Amino acid sequence: KYNVTKPIDDMSLHVFANTVINAYAEVILHNMDMAEAEIFMSNIQEF
């Protein structure tokens, strides 16, 4: 759509996407409280 020619490989995208999903899991696995989770997930989203 935006005629992007800059290379970005599928394996990188795969790792990035997995990291996002696992970040949500870490909220539960590390028993974060709501305030900690909001800061953590806001950082993940922005990054």
All heavy atoms as atom14 arrays in JSON, in Angstrom:
{
  "sequence": "KYNVTKPIDDMSLHVFANTVINAYAEVILHNMDMAEAEIFMSNIQEF",
  "atom14_mask": [
    [1, 1, 1, 1, 1, 1, 1, 1, 1, 0, 0, 0, 0, 0],
    [1, 1, 1, 1, 1, 1, 1, 1, 1, 1, 1, 1, 0, 0],
    [1, 1, 1, 1, 1, 1, 1, 1, 0, 0, 0, 0, 0, 0],
    [1, 1, 1, 1, 1, 1, 1, 0, 0, 0, 0, 0, 0, 0],
    [1, 1, 1, 1, 1, 1, 1, 0, 0, 0, 0, 0, 0, 0],
    [1, 1, 1, 1, 1, 1, 1, 1, 1, 0, 0, 0, 0, 0],
    [1, 1, 1, 1, 1, 1, 1, 0, 0, 0, 0, 0, 0, 0],
    [1, 1, 1, 1, 1, 1, 1, 1, 0, 0, 0, 0, 0, 0],
    [1, 1, 1, 1, 1, 1, 1, 1, 0, 0, 0, 0, 0, 0],
    [1, 1, 1, 1, 1, 1, 1, 1, 0, 0, 0, 0, 0, 0],
    [1, 1, 1, 1, 1, 1, 1, 1, 0, 0, 0, 0, 0, 0],
    [1, 1, 1, 1, 1, 1, 0, 0, 0, 0, 0, 0, 0, 0],
    [1, 1, 1, 1, 1, 1, 1, 1, 0, 0, 0, 0, 0, 0],
    [1, 1, 1, 1, 1, 1, 1, 1, 1, 1, 0, 0, 0, 0],
    [1, 1, 1, 1, 1, 1, 1, 0, 0, 0, 0, 0, 0, 0],
    [1, 1, 1, 1, 1, 1, 1, 1, 1, 1, 1, 0, 0, 0],
    [1, 1, 1, 1, 1, 0, 0, 0, 0, 0, 0, 0, 0, 0],
    [1, 1, 1, 1, 1, 1, 1, 1, 0, 0, 0, 0, 0, 0],
    [1, 1, 1, 1, 1, 1, 1, 0, 0, 0, 0, 0, 0, 0],
    [1, 1, 1, 1, 1, 1, 1, 0, 0, 0, 0, 0, 0, 0],
    [1, 1, 1, 1, 1, 1, 1, 1, 0, 0, 0, 0, 0, 0],
    [1, 1, 1, 1, 1, 1, 1, 1, 0, 0, 0, 0, 0, 0],
    [1, 1, 1, 1, 1, 0, 0, 0, 0, 0, 0, 0, 0, 0],
    [1, 1, 1, 1, 1, 1, 1, 1, 1, 1, 1, 1, 0, 0],
    [1, 1, 1, 1, 1, 0, 0, 0, 0, 0, 0, 0, 0, 0],
    [1, 1, 1, 1, 1, 1, 1, 1, 1, 0, 0, 0, 0, 0],
    [1, 1, 1, 1, 1, 1, 1, 0, 0, 0, 0, 0, 0, 0],
    [1, 1, 1, 1, 1, 1, 1, 1, 0, 0, 0, 0, 0, 0],
    [1, 1, 1, 1, 1, 1, 1, 1, 0, 0, 0, 0, 0, 0],
    [1, 1, 1, 1, 1, 1, 1, 1, 1, 1, 0, 0, 0, 0],
    [1, 1, 1, 1, 1, 1, 1, 1, 0, 0, 0, 0, 0, 0],
    [1, 1, 1, 1, 1, 1, 1, 1, 0, 0, 0, 0, 0, 0],
    [1, 1, 1, 1, 1, 1, 1, 1, 0, 0, 0, 0, 0, 0],
    [1, 1, 1, 1, 1, 1, 1, 1, 0, 0, 0, 0, 0, 0],
    [1, 1, 1, 1, 1, 0, 0, 0, 0, 0, 0, 0, 0, 0],
    [1, 1, 1, 1, 1, 1, 1, 1, 1, 0, 0, 0, 0, 0],
    [1, 1, 1, 1, 1, 0, 0, 0, 0, 0, 0, 0, 0, 0],
    [1, 1, 1, 1, 1, 1, 1, 1, 1, 0, 0, 0, 0, 0],
    [1, 1, 1, 1, 1, 1, 1, 1, 0, 0, 0, 0, 0, 0],
    [1, 1, 1, 1, 1, 1, 1, 1, 1, 1, 1, 0, 0, 0],
    [1, 1, 1, 1, 1, 1, 1, 1, 0, 0, 0, 0, 0, 0],
    [1, 1, 1, 1, 1, 1, 0, 0, 0, 0, 0, 0, 0, 0],
    [1, 1, 1, 1, 1, 1, 1, 1, 0, 0, 0, 0, 0, 0],
    [1, 1, 1, 1, 1, 1, 1, 1, 0, 0, 0, 0, 0, 0],
    [1, 1, 1, 1, 1, 1, 1, 1, 1, 0, 0, 0, 0, 0],
    [1, 1, 1, 1, 1, 1, 1, 1, 1, 0, 0, 0, 0, 0],
    [1, 1, 1, 1, 1, 1, 1, 1, 1, 1, 1, 0, 0, 0]
  ],
  "atom14_positions": [
    [[0.83, -1.21, 0.0], [0.0, 0.0, 0.0], [0.86, 1.26, 0.0], [0.54, 2.24, -0.67], [-0.93, 0.0, 1.23], [-1.84, 1.21, 1.33], [-2.77, 1.11, 2.54], [-3.63, 2.35, 2.71], [-4.59, 2.52, 1.59], [0.0, 0.0, 0.0], [0.0, 0.0, 0.0], [0.0, 0.0, 0.0], [0.0, 0.0, 0.0], [0.0, 0.0, 0.0]],
    [[1.95, 1.23, 0.76], [2.78, 2.43, 0.9], [4.09, 2.32, 0.12], [5.0, 3.11, 0.31], [3.07, 2.7, 2.38], [1.8, 3.02, 3.14], [1.2, 2.07, 3.95], [1.19, 4.27, 3.02], [0.01, 2.35, 4.63], [0.02, 4.56, 3.7], [-0.57, 3.59, 4.5], [-1.72, 3.87, 5.16], [0.0, 0.0, 0.0], [0.0, 0.0, 0.0]],
    [[4.16, 1.31, -0.75], [5.32, 1.12, -1.62], [6.62, 1.09, -0.81], [7.59, 1.78, -1.13], [5.37, 2.23, -2.69], [6.33, 1.89, -3.8], [6.55, 0.71, -4.12], [6.91, 2.92, -4.42], [0.0, 0.0, 0.0], [0.0, 0.0, 0.0], [0.0, 0.0, 0.0], [0.0, 0.0, 0.0], [0.0, 0.0, 0.0], [0.0, 0.0, 0.0]],
    [[6.6, 0.28, 0.24], [7.76, 0.18, 1.11], [8.78, -0.78, 0.5], [8.46, -1.92, 0.18], [7.35, -0.34, 2.51], [8.56, -0.63, 3.37], [6.45, 0.69, 3.19], [0.0, 0.0, 0.0], [0.0, 0.0, 0.0], [0.0, 0.0, 0.0], [0.0, 0.0, 0.0], [0.0, 0.0, 0.0], [0.0, 0.0, 0.0], [0.0, 0.0, 0.0]],
    [[9.97, -0.31, 0.34], [11.03, -1.16, -0.22], [12.06, -1.56, 0.83], [12.9, -2.41, 0.59], [11.76, -0.43, -1.36], [12.31, 0.8, -0.87], [10.8, -0.15, -2.51], [0.0, 0.0, 0.0], [0.0, 0.0, 0.0], [0.0, 0.0, 0.0], [0.0, 0.0, 0.0], [0.0, 0.0, 0.0], [0.0, 0.0, 0.0], [0.0, 0.0, 0.0]],
    [[11.99, -0.96, 2.01], [12.92, -1.29, 3.07], [12.7, -2.75, 3.48], [11.58, -3.15, 3.78], [12.7, -0.36, 4.26], [13.78, -0.47, 5.32], [13.6, 0.61, 6.4], [14.72, 0.51, 7.43], [14.59, 1.56, 8.47], [0.0, 0.0, 0.0], [0.0, 0.0, 0.0], [0.0, 0.0, 0.0], [0.0, 0.0, 0.0], [0.0, 0.0, 0.0]],
    [[13.75, -3.56, 3.51], [13.56, -4.99, 3.8], [13.23, -5.25, 5.26], [13.82, -4.67, 6.17], [14.92, -5.6, 3.44], [15.9, -4.49, 3.64], [15.16, -3.23, 3.25], [0.0, 0.0, 0.0], [0.0, 0.0, 0.0], [0.0, 0.0, 0.0], [0.0, 0.0, 0.0], [0.0, 0.0, 0.0], [0.0, 0.0, 0.0], [0.0, 0.0, 0.0]],
    [[12.24, -6.1, 5.48], [11.94, -6.62, 6.81], [11.5, -8.07, 6.62], [10.53, -8.34, 5.93], [10.87, -5.78, 7.55], [10.55, -6.4, 8.9], [9.64, -5.56, 6.71], [9.71, -5.52, 9.81], [0.0, 0.0, 0.0], [0.0, 0.0, 0.0], [0.0, 0.0, 0.0], [0.0, 0.0, 0.0], [0.0, 0.0, 0.0], [0.0, 0.0, 0.0]],
    [[12.26, -8.98, 7.18], [12.05, -10.4, 6.91], [10.95, -10.99, 7.8], [10.65, -10.49, 8.88], [13.35, -11.18, 7.11], [13.85, -11.06, 8.54], [14.35, -9.98, 8.91], [13.71, -12.04, 9.29], [0.0, 0.0, 0.0], [0.0, 0.0, 0.0], [0.0, 0.0, 0.0], [0.0, 0.0, 0.0], [0.0, 0.0, 0.0], [0.0, 0.0, 0.0]],
    [[10.37, -12.09, 7.33], [9.27, -12.73, 8.05], [9.7, -13.28, 9.4], [8.9, -13.29, 10.35], [8.68, -13.86, 7.2], [7.81, -13.34, 6.07], [7.65, -12.1, 5.95], [7.29, -14.16, 5.3], [0.0, 0.0, 0.0], [0.0, 0.0, 0.0], [0.0, 0.0, 0.0], [0.0, 0.0, 0.0], [0.0, 0.0, 0.0], [0.0, 0.0, 0.0]],
    [[10.94, -13.74, 9.53], [11.38, -14.27, 10.82], [11.42, -13.17, 11.87], [11.03, -13.39, 13.04], [12.76, -14.93, 10.7], [13.29, -15.51, 12.02], [12.12, -16.64, 12.85], [12.11, -18.02, 11.71], [0.0, 0.0, 0.0], [0.0, 0.0, 0.0], [0.0, 0.0, 0.0], [0.0, 0.0, 0.0], [0.0, 0.0, 0.0], [0.0, 0.0, 0.0]],
    [[11.87, -11.98, 11.49], [11.85, -10.86, 12.42], [10.43, -10.55, 12.86], [10.15, -10.35, 14.05], [12.49, -9.62, 11.79], [13.87, -9.82, 11.55], [0.0, 0.0, 0.0], [0.0, 0.0, 0.0], [0.0, 0.0, 0.0], [0.0, 0.0, 0.0], [0.0, 0.0, 0.0], [0.0, 0.0, 0.0], [0.0, 0.0, 0.0], [0.0, 0.0, 0.0]],
    [[9.52, -10.5, 11.89], [8.12, -10.24, 12.21], [7.55, -11.32, 13.12], [6.78, -11.02, 14.04], [7.29, -10.16, 10.92], [7.57, -8.96, 10.01], [6.84, -9.12, 8.69], [7.18, -7.66, 10.7], [0.0, 0.0, 0.0], [0.0, 0.0, 0.0], [0.0, 0.0, 0.0], [0.0, 0.0, 0.0], [0.0, 0.0, 0.0], [0.0, 0.0, 0.0]],
    [[7.92, -12.56, 12.87], [7.47, -13.68, 13.69], [7.92, -13.5, 15.14], [7.12, -13.66, 16.08], [8.03, -14.98, 13.12], [7.79, -16.19, 13.97], [6.58, -16.85, 14.0], [8.59, -16.84, 14.84], [6.65, -17.86, 14.85], [7.86, -17.88, 15.37], [0.0, 0.0, 0.0], [0.0, 0.0, 0.0], [0.0, 0.0, 0.0], [0.0, 0.0, 0.0]],
    [[9.17, -13.14, 15.33], [9.71, -12.95, 16.68], [9.04, -11.76, 17.36], [8.67, -11.83, 18.55], [11.24, -12.77, 16.64], [11.77, -12.36, 18.01], [11.91, -14.06, 16.18], [0.0, 0.0, 0.0], [0.0, 0.0, 0.0], [0.0, 0.0, 0.0], [0.0, 0.0, 0.0], [0.0, 0.0, 0.0], [0.0, 0.0, 0.0], [0.0, 0.0, 0.0]],
    [[8.85, -10.67, 16.62], [8.22, -9.49, 17.21], [6.79, -9.81, 17.66], [6.37, -9.43, 18.75], [8.18, -8.34, 16.2], [9.53, -7.86, 15.74], [9.69, -7.27, 14.5], [10.64, -8.0, 16.57], [10.93, -6.82, 14.07], [11.9, -7.56, 16.15], [12.04, -6.97, 14.9], [0.0, 0.0, 0.0], [0.0, 0.0, 0.0], [0.0, 0.0, 0.0]],
    [[6.04, -10.48, 16.8], [4.65, -10.8, 17.12], [4.56, -11.73, 18.33], [3.73, -11.54, 19.22], [3.97, -11.44, 15.91], [0.0, 0.0, 0.0], [0.0, 0.0, 0.0], [0.0, 0.0, 0.0], [0.0, 0.0, 0.0], [0.0, 0.0, 0.0], [0.0, 0.0, 0.0], [0.0, 0.0, 0.0], [0.0, 0.0, 0.0], [0.0, 0.0, 0.0]],
    [[5.43, -12.73, 18.37], [5.46, -13.64, 19.52], [5.78, -12.89, 20.8], [5.24, -13.21, 21.87], [6.49, -14.75, 19.29], [5.9, -15.95, 18.58], [5.31, -16.82, 19.2], [6.03, -15.98, 17.27], [0.0, 0.0, 0.0], [0.0, 0.0, 0.0], [0.0, 0.0, 0.0], [0.0, 0.0, 0.0], [0.0, 0.0, 0.0], [0.0, 0.0, 0.0]],
    [[6.66, -11.92, 20.69], [7.04, -11.14, 21.88], [5.86, -10.38, 22.44], [5.68, -10.29, 23.66], [8.18, -10.18, 21.53], [9.3, -10.93, 21.04], [8.62, -9.38, 22.76], [0.0, 0.0, 0.0], [0.0, 0.0, 0.0], [0.0, 0.0, 0.0], [0.0, 0.0, 0.0], [0.0, 0.0, 0.0], [0.0, 0.0, 0.0], [0.0, 0.0, 0.0]],
    [[5.02, -9.82, 21.56], [3.84, -9.08, 22.02], [2.9, -10.01, 22.78], [2.43, -9.68, 23.88], [3.11, -8.43, 20.83], [1.77, -7.85, 21.27], [3.97, -7.35, 20.2], [0.0, 0.0, 0.0], [0.0, 0.0, 0.0], [0.0, 0.0, 0.0], [0.0, 0.0, 0.0], [0.0, 0.0, 0.0], [0.0, 0.0, 0.0], [0.0, 0.0, 0.0]],
    [[2.61, -11.18, 22.22], [1.7, -12.12, 22.88], [2.28, -12.59, 24.21], [1.58, -12.67, 25.23], [1.4, -13.32, 21.96], [0.65, -12.86, 20.72], [0.61, -14.38, 22.71], [-0.68, -12.17, 21.01], [0.0, 0.0, 0.0], [0.0, 0.0, 0.0], [0.0, 0.0, 0.0], [0.0, 0.0, 0.0], [0.0, 0.0, 0.0], [0.0, 0.0, 0.0]],
    [[3.56, -12.88, 24.21], [4.19, -13.35, 25.45], [4.25, -12.25, 26.5], [4.26, -12.54, 27.7], [5.58, -13.91, 25.16], [5.52, -15.34, 24.66], [5.38, -16.27, 25.44], [5.61, -15.52, 23.35], [0.0, 0.0, 0.0], [0.0, 0.0, 0.0], [0.0, 0.0, 0.0], [0.0, 0.0, 0.0], [0.0, 0.0, 0.0], [0.0, 0.0, 0.0]],
    [[4.26, -10.99, 26.06], [4.24, -9.89, 27.03], [2.94, -9.92, 27.83], [2.94, -9.74, 29.06], [4.39, -8.55, 26.31], [0.0, 0.0, 0.0], [0.0, 0.0, 0.0], [0.0, 0.0, 0.0], [0.0, 0.0, 0.0], [0.0, 0.0, 0.0], [0.0, 0.0, 0.0], [0.0, 0.0, 0.0], [0.0, 0.0, 0.0], [0.0, 0.0, 0.0]],
    [[1.82, -10.15, 27.15], [0.55, -10.27, 27.87], [0.59, -11.45, 28.84], [0.09, -11.35, 29.97], [-0.61, -10.43, 26.89], [-1.05, -9.15, 26.24], [-0.67, -8.83, 24.95], [-1.86, -8.25, 26.93], [-1.07, -7.64, 24.35], [-2.28, -7.07, 26.34], [-1.87, -6.77, 25.05], [-2.28, -5.58, 24.46], [0.0, 0.0, 0.0], [0.0, 0.0, 0.0]],
    [[1.18, -12.56, 28.4], [1.28, -13.72, 29.28], [2.12, -13.41, 30.51], [1.82, -13.88, 31.62], [1.87, -14.91, 28.52], [0.0, 0.0, 0.0], [0.0, 0.0, 0.0], [0.0, 0.0, 0.0], [0.0, 0.0, 0.0], [0.0, 0.0, 0.0], [0.0, 0.0, 0.0], [0.0, 0.0, 0.0], [0.0, 0.0, 0.0], [0.0, 0.0, 0.0]],
    [[3.16, -12.6, 30.34], [4.03, -12.28, 31.46], [3.28, -11.52, 32.56], [3.61, -11.63, 33.74], [5.22, -11.44, 30.99], [6.19, -12.15, 30.07], [6.94, -13.3, 30.74], [7.02, -13.3, 31.99], [7.43, -14.17, 30.03], [0.0, 0.0, 0.0], [0.0, 0.0, 0.0], [0.0, 0.0, 0.0], [0.0, 0.0, 0.0], [0.0, 0.0, 0.0]],
    [[2.27, -10.76, 32.18], [1.45, -10.06, 33.18], [0.87, -11.06, 34.17], [0.86, -10.83, 35.39], [0.32, -9.27, 32.48], [-0.69, -8.76, 33.51], [0.9, -8.11, 31.68], [0.0, 0.0, 0.0], [0.0, 0.0, 0.0], [0.0, 0.0, 0.0], [0.0, 0.0, 0.0], [0.0, 0.0, 0.0], [0.0, 0.0, 0.0], [0.0, 0.0, 0.0]],
    [[0.38, -12.18, 33.66], [-0.2, -13.22, 34.51], [0.88, -14.05, 35.18], [0.83, -14.31, 36.4], [-1.11, -14.14, 33.68], [-2.26, -13.34, 33.04], [-1.66, -15.28, 34.54], [-3.19, -12.67, 34.01], [0.0, 0.0, 0.0], [0.0, 0.0, 0.0], [0.0, 0.0, 0.0], [0.0, 0.0, 0.0], [0.0, 0.0, 0.0], [0.0, 0.0, 0.0]],
    [[1.88, -14.46, 34.42], [2.91, -15.36, 34.94], [3.74, -14.71, 36.05], [4.23, -15.4, 36.94], [3.82, -15.82, 33.8], [3.13, -16.66, 32.72], [4.1, -16.95, 31.57], [2.59, -17.97, 33.29], [0.0, 0.0, 0.0], [0.0, 0.0, 0.0], [0.0, 0.0, 0.0], [0.0, 0.0, 0.0], [0.0, 0.0, 0.0], [0.0, 0.0, 0.0]],
    [[3.89, -13.38, 35.98], [4.65, -12.67, 37.01], [3.75, -12.01, 38.04], [4.23, -11.24, 38.88], [5.58, -11.64, 36.36], [6.77, -12.27, 35.7], [7.94, -12.55, 36.37], [6.96, -12.7, 34.43], [8.81, -13.11, 35.54], [8.24, -13.22, 34.35], [0.0, 0.0, 0.0], [0.0, 0.0, 0.0], [0.0, 0.0, 0.0], [0.0, 0.0, 0.0]],
    [[2.46, -12.32, 37.96], [1.5, -11.86, 38.96], [1.59, -10.34, 39.18], [1.59, -9.86, 40.33], [1.71, -12.6, 40.29], [0.51, -12.48, 41.21], [-0.64, -12.36, 40.75], [0.76, -12.52, 42.51], [0.0, 0.0, 0.0], [0.0, 0.0, 0.0], [0.0, 0.0, 0.0], [0.0, 0.0, 0.0], [0.0, 0.0, 0.0], [0.0, 0.0, 0.0]],
    [[1.66, -9.6, 38.08], [1.71, -8.14, 38.19], [0.39, -7.61, 38.75], [-0.67, -8.21, 38.53], [1.94, -7.51, 36.81], [3.26, -7.84, 36.17], [3.42, -6.98, 34.57], [4.86, -7.82, 33.89], [0.0, 0.0, 0.0], [0.0, 0.0, 0.0], [0.0, 0.0, 0.0], [0.0, 0.0, 0.0], [0.0, 0.0, 0.0], [0.0, 0.0, 0.0]],
    [[0.46, -6.49, 39.43], [-0.79, -5.82, 39.79], [-1.2, -4.93, 38.63], [-0.47, -4.79, 37.64], [-0.67, -5.04, 41.11], [0.35, -3.9, 41.06], [0.56, -3.31, 39.98], [0.95, -3.61, 42.11], [0.0, 0.0, 0.0], [0.0, 0.0, 0.0], [0.0, 0.0, 0.0], [0.0, 0.0, 0.0], [0.0, 0.0, 0.0], [0.0, 0.0, 0.0]],
    [[-2.39, -4.34, 38.72], [-2.94, -3.6, 37.59], [-2.06, -2.42, 37.21], [-1.83, -2.17, 36.02], [-4.35, -3.11, 37.94], [-5.09, -2.51, 36.77], [-5.42, -3.74, 35.49], [-5.93, -2.69, 34.15], [0.0, 0.0, 0.0], [0.0, 0.0, 0.0], [0.0, 0.0, 0.0], [0.0, 0.0, 0.0], [0.0, 0.0, 0.0], [0.0, 0.0, 0.0]],
    [[-1.55, -1.7, 38.18], [-0.72, -0.54, 37.88], [0.56, -0.96, 37.16], [0.97, -0.32, 36.18], [-0.38, 0.21, 39.16], [0.0, 0.0, 0.0], [0.0, 0.0, 0.0], [0.0, 0.0, 0.0], [0.0, 0.0, 0.0], [0.0, 0.0, 0.0], [0.0, 0.0, 0.0], [0.0, 0.0, 0.0], [0.0, 0.0, 0.0], [0.0, 0.0, 0.0]],
    [[1.19, -2.03, 37.62], [2.4, -2.53, 36.97], [2.11, -2.98, 35.55], [2.88, -2.71, 34.62], [2.97, -3.7, 37.77], [3.55, -3.34, 39.12], [3.9, -4.55, 39.95], [3.23, -5.6, 39.82], [4.87, -4.46, 40.74], [0.0, 0.0, 0.0], [0.0, 0.0, 0.0], [0.0, 0.0, 0.0], [0.0, 0.0, 0.0], [0.0, 0.0, 0.0]],
    [[0.98, -3.67, 35.38], [0.63, -4.18, 34.06], [0.35, -3.06, 33.07], [0.74, -3.14, 31.9], [-0.6, -5.09, 34.17], [0.0, 0.0, 0.0], [0.0, 0.0, 0.0], [0.0, 0.0, 0.0], [0.0, 0.0, 0.0], [0.0, 0.0, 0.0], [0.0, 0.0, 0.0], [0.0, 0.0, 0.0], [0.0, 0.0, 0.0], [0.0, 0.0, 0.0]],
    [[-0.32, -2.02, 33.52], [-0.63, -0.89, 32.63], [0.66, -0.22, 32.14], [0.79, 0.11, 30.96], [-1.51, 0.13, 33.36], [-2.96, -0.31, 33.52], [-3.77, -0.13, 32.26], [-3.23, 0.38, 31.25], [-4.95, -0.49, 32.26], [0.0, 0.0, 0.0], [0.0, 0.0, 0.0], [0.0, 0.0, 0.0], [0.0, 0.0, 0.0], [0.0, 0.0, 0.0]],
    [[1.61, -0.02, 33.02], [2.88, 0.6, 32.63], [3.64, -0.32, 31.68], [4.14, 0.1, 30.63], [3.74, 0.91, 33.88], [3.08, 2.0, 34.72], [5.15, 1.33, 33.47], [3.73, 2.22, 36.07], [0.0, 0.0, 0.0], [0.0, 0.0, 0.0], [0.0, 0.0, 0.0], [0.0, 0.0, 0.0], [0.0, 0.0, 0.0], [0.0, 0.0, 0.0]],
    [[3.71, -1.59, 32.04], [4.44, -2.58, 31.25], [3.86, -2.69, 29.84], [4.58, -2.6, 28.83], [4.39, -3.93, 31.96], [4.95, -5.08, 31.17], [6.3, -5.14, 30.86], [4.13, -6.12, 30.75], [6.83, -6.2, 30.14], [4.65, -7.19, 30.04], [6.01, -7.23, 29.73], [0.0, 0.0, 0.0], [0.0, 0.0, 0.0], [0.0, 0.0, 0.0]],
    [[2.54, -2.86, 29.73], [1.93, -3.05, 28.43], [1.93, -1.75, 27.62], [2.02, -1.79, 26.39], [0.5, -3.59, 28.57], [0.44, -5.04, 29.04], [1.53, -6.18, 28.11], [1.03, -5.89, 26.41], [0.0, 0.0, 0.0], [0.0, 0.0, 0.0], [0.0, 0.0, 0.0], [0.0, 0.0, 0.0], [0.0, 0.0, 0.0], [0.0, 0.0, 0.0]],
    [[1.87, -0.59, 28.27], [2.0, 0.67, 27.54], [3.38, 0.79, 26.92], [3.52, 1.26, 25.77], [1.75, 1.85, 28.49], [0.4, 1.91, 28.9], [0.0, 0.0, 0.0], [0.0, 0.0, 0.0], [0.0, 0.0, 0.0], [0.0, 0.0, 0.0], [0.0, 0.0, 0.0], [0.0, 0.0, 0.0], [0.0, 0.0, 0.0], [0.0, 0.0, 0.0]],
    [[4.4, 0.37, 27.66], [5.77, 0.38, 27.12], [5.89, -0.56, 25.93], [6.52, -0.23, 24.91], [6.77, -0.02, 28.2], [6.95, 1.05, 29.25], [6.67, 2.22, 29.0], [7.42, 0.67, 30.43], [0.0, 0.0, 0.0], [0.0, 0.0, 0.0], [0.0, 0.0, 0.0], [0.0, 0.0, 0.0], [0.0, 0.0, 0.0], [0.0, 0.0, 0.0]],
    [[5.3, -1.76, 26.04], [5.34, -2.74, 24.95], [4.64, -2.17, 23.71], [5.15, -2.25, 22.59], [4.67, -4.06, 25.38], [5.5, -4.75, 26.49], [4.47, -5.0, 24.18], [6.85, -5.26, 26.04], [0.0, 0.0, 0.0], [0.0, 0.0, 0.0], [0.0, 0.0, 0.0], [0.0, 0.0, 0.0], [0.0, 0.0, 0.0], [0.0, 0.0, 0.0]],
    [[3.45, -1.6, 23.91], [2.69, -1.06, 22.79], [3.46, 0.04, 22.08], [3.57, 0.06, 20.85], [1.33, -0.54, 23.28], [0.4, -0.04, 22.18], [0.71, 1.37, 21.71], [1.16, 2.21, 22.51], [0.51, 1.63, 20.42], [0.0, 0.0, 0.0], [0.0, 0.0, 0.0], [0.0, 0.0, 0.0], [0.0, 0.0, 0.0], [0.0, 0.0, 0.0]],
    [[4.01, 0.96, 22.84], [4.73, 2.09, 22.25], [5.98, 1.62, 21.52], [6.28, 2.06, 20.4], [5.11, 3.09, 23.34], [5.79, 4.35, 22.8], [6.02, 5.4, 23.87], [5.57, 5.19, 25.03], [6.65, 6.42, 23.57], [0.0, 0.0, 0.0], [0.0, 0.0, 0.0], [0.0, 0.0, 0.0], [0.0, 0.0, 0.0], [0.0, 0.0, 0.0]],
    [[6.72, 0.7, 22.15], [7.95, 0.19, 21.55], [7.67, -0.46, 20.2], [8.37, -0.19, 19.2], [8.6, -0.81, 22.51], [9.88, -1.42, 22.0], [11.08, -0.76, 22.16], [9.88, -2.65, 21.36], [12.27, -1.32, 21.69], [11.05, -3.22, 20.89], [12.25, -2.55, 21.06], [0.0, 0.0, 0.0], [0.0, 0.0, 0.0], [0.0, 0.0, 0.0]]
  ]
}
